[in-house]
Structures are given as C-alpha cells and as structure tokens.
Amino acid sequence: MSTSNEQKAKLLGMPFGTANSRLRKMLLFRSIKQLNEDICYRCGKRIETIEDFTIEHHDSWMSAEDPVASFFDLS
C-alpha cells in the first residue's frame, strides 16, 4: 500500500478503495431515488434503504454468449 493510501485509510478508518466504493454507492442510490427509479425489478417494491440497494443483472452475464457485452449491458 502506498504512503498516500495508508494516510487515507488512517483518516477514513477503512481502506480508501472501500470508502470510495461506499461513496459511489451512496451517490448512485441518491440519484436513483431522485429519478424515481428505485423500484426492485424482481418484487416491484420501492428500495427504501441503501443496505437493500444492489446492482444486479436481470440475466446471468456469466453464462451469456458474450459475457463482457452482457456484463456492461445497461438495459
């Protein structure tokens, strides 16, 4: 770990990558809620908390003919 990342981890109380991922998830969840797109595609209910918010694929990308295209498919 670089000195810079060690300092960031010390200040944040967690690895910088973990903190960065958490911040991105928070920003994404806020945007999803503001756009009223916070509905679960499986059950149809509103996603109320960030703990319930996940990014999942409708279809398995791992068994797709083109896994890379399927993984990055936003539809």
Protein backbone atom coordinates (compact mmCIF):
# COMPACT_ATOMS: atom_id res chain seq x y z
CA MET A 1 0.00 0.00 0.00
CA SER A 2 1.36 3.38 -0.91
CA THR A 3 2.01 6.00 1.74
CA SER A 4 -0.80 8.12 0.32
CA ASN A 5 -3.29 5.25 0.58
CA GLU A 6 -2.07 4.41 4.07
CA GLN A 7 -2.70 8.01 5.14
CA LYS A 8 -6.16 7.98 3.52
CA ALA A 9 -7.01 4.69 5.23
CA LYS A 10 -5.89 6.07 8.59
CA LEU A 11 -8.00 9.21 8.16
CA LEU A 12 -11.07 7.30 6.94
CA GLY A 13 -10.79 4.33 9.29
CA MET A 14 -11.02 1.92 6.37
CA PRO A 15 -9.17 1.20 3.14
CA PHE A 16 -9.52 4.03 0.63
CA GLY A 17 -10.96 1.66 -2.01
CA THR A 18 -13.70 0.60 0.42
CA ALA A 19 -14.54 4.20 1.28
CA ASN A 20 -14.53 5.18 -2.39
CA SER A 21 -16.89 2.32 -3.29
CA ARG A 22 -19.22 3.25 -0.43
CA LEU A 23 -19.31 6.89 -1.56
CA ARG A 24 -20.07 5.89 -5.16
CA LYS A 25 -22.91 3.63 -3.99
CA MET A 26 -24.33 6.47 -1.89
CA LEU A 27 -24.22 8.88 -4.84
CA LEU A 28 -25.80 6.35 -7.16
CA PHE A 29 -28.57 5.48 -4.68
CA ARG A 30 -29.38 9.16 -4.15
CA SER A 31 -29.63 9.68 -7.91
CA ILE A 32 -31.79 6.58 -8.35
CA LYS A 33 -34.19 7.86 -5.68
CA GLN A 34 -34.30 11.38 -7.17
CA LEU A 35 -35.20 9.88 -10.57
CA ASN A 36 -37.89 7.63 -9.02
CA GLU A 37 -36.10 4.60 -10.44
CA ASP A 38 -35.80 2.95 -7.01
CA ILE A 39 -38.12 0.03 -7.76
CA CYS A 40 -36.87 -3.56 -7.45
CA TYR A 41 -37.20 -5.34 -10.78
CA ARG A 42 -37.83 -8.65 -9.00
CA CYS A 43 -40.55 -7.79 -6.46
CA GLY A 44 -41.72 -4.41 -7.76
CA LYS A 45 -41.39 -2.73 -4.34
CA ARG A 46 -39.59 0.54 -3.63
CA ILE A 47 -35.98 0.20 -2.44
CA GLU A 48 -36.06 2.12 0.83
CA THR A 49 -32.52 1.85 2.19
CA ILE A 50 -29.03 1.83 0.79
CA GLU A 51 -28.49 -1.52 2.52
CA ASP A 52 -31.18 -3.00 0.24
CA PHE A 53 -29.74 -1.36 -2.86
CA THR A 54 -27.66 -3.66 -5.06
CA ILE A 55 -26.59 -3.70 -8.66
CA GLU A 56 -27.64 -6.93 -10.28
CA HIS A 57 -28.13 -8.25 -13.77
CA HIS A 58 -31.55 -9.39 -14.97
CA ASP A 59 -29.90 -12.31 -16.76
CA SER A 60 -26.73 -14.13 -15.84
CA TRP A 61 -23.84 -12.45 -17.62
CA MET A 62 -21.52 -15.35 -16.78
CA SER A 63 -23.45 -17.80 -18.96
CA ALA A 64 -24.09 -15.33 -21.79
CA GLU A 65 -22.68 -15.89 -25.25
CA ASP A 66 -20.74 -12.62 -24.86
CA PRO A 67 -20.09 -12.18 -21.11
CA VAL A 68 -18.35 -8.81 -21.49
CA ALA A 69 -21.20 -7.28 -23.51
CA SER A 70 -23.76 -8.79 -21.16
CA PHE A 71 -21.95 -7.52 -18.06
CA PHE A 72 -21.91 -3.93 -19.34
CA ASP A 73 -25.42 -4.04 -20.86
CA LEU A 74 -27.37 -1.25 -19.10
CA SER A 75 -30.76 -2.47 -20.27
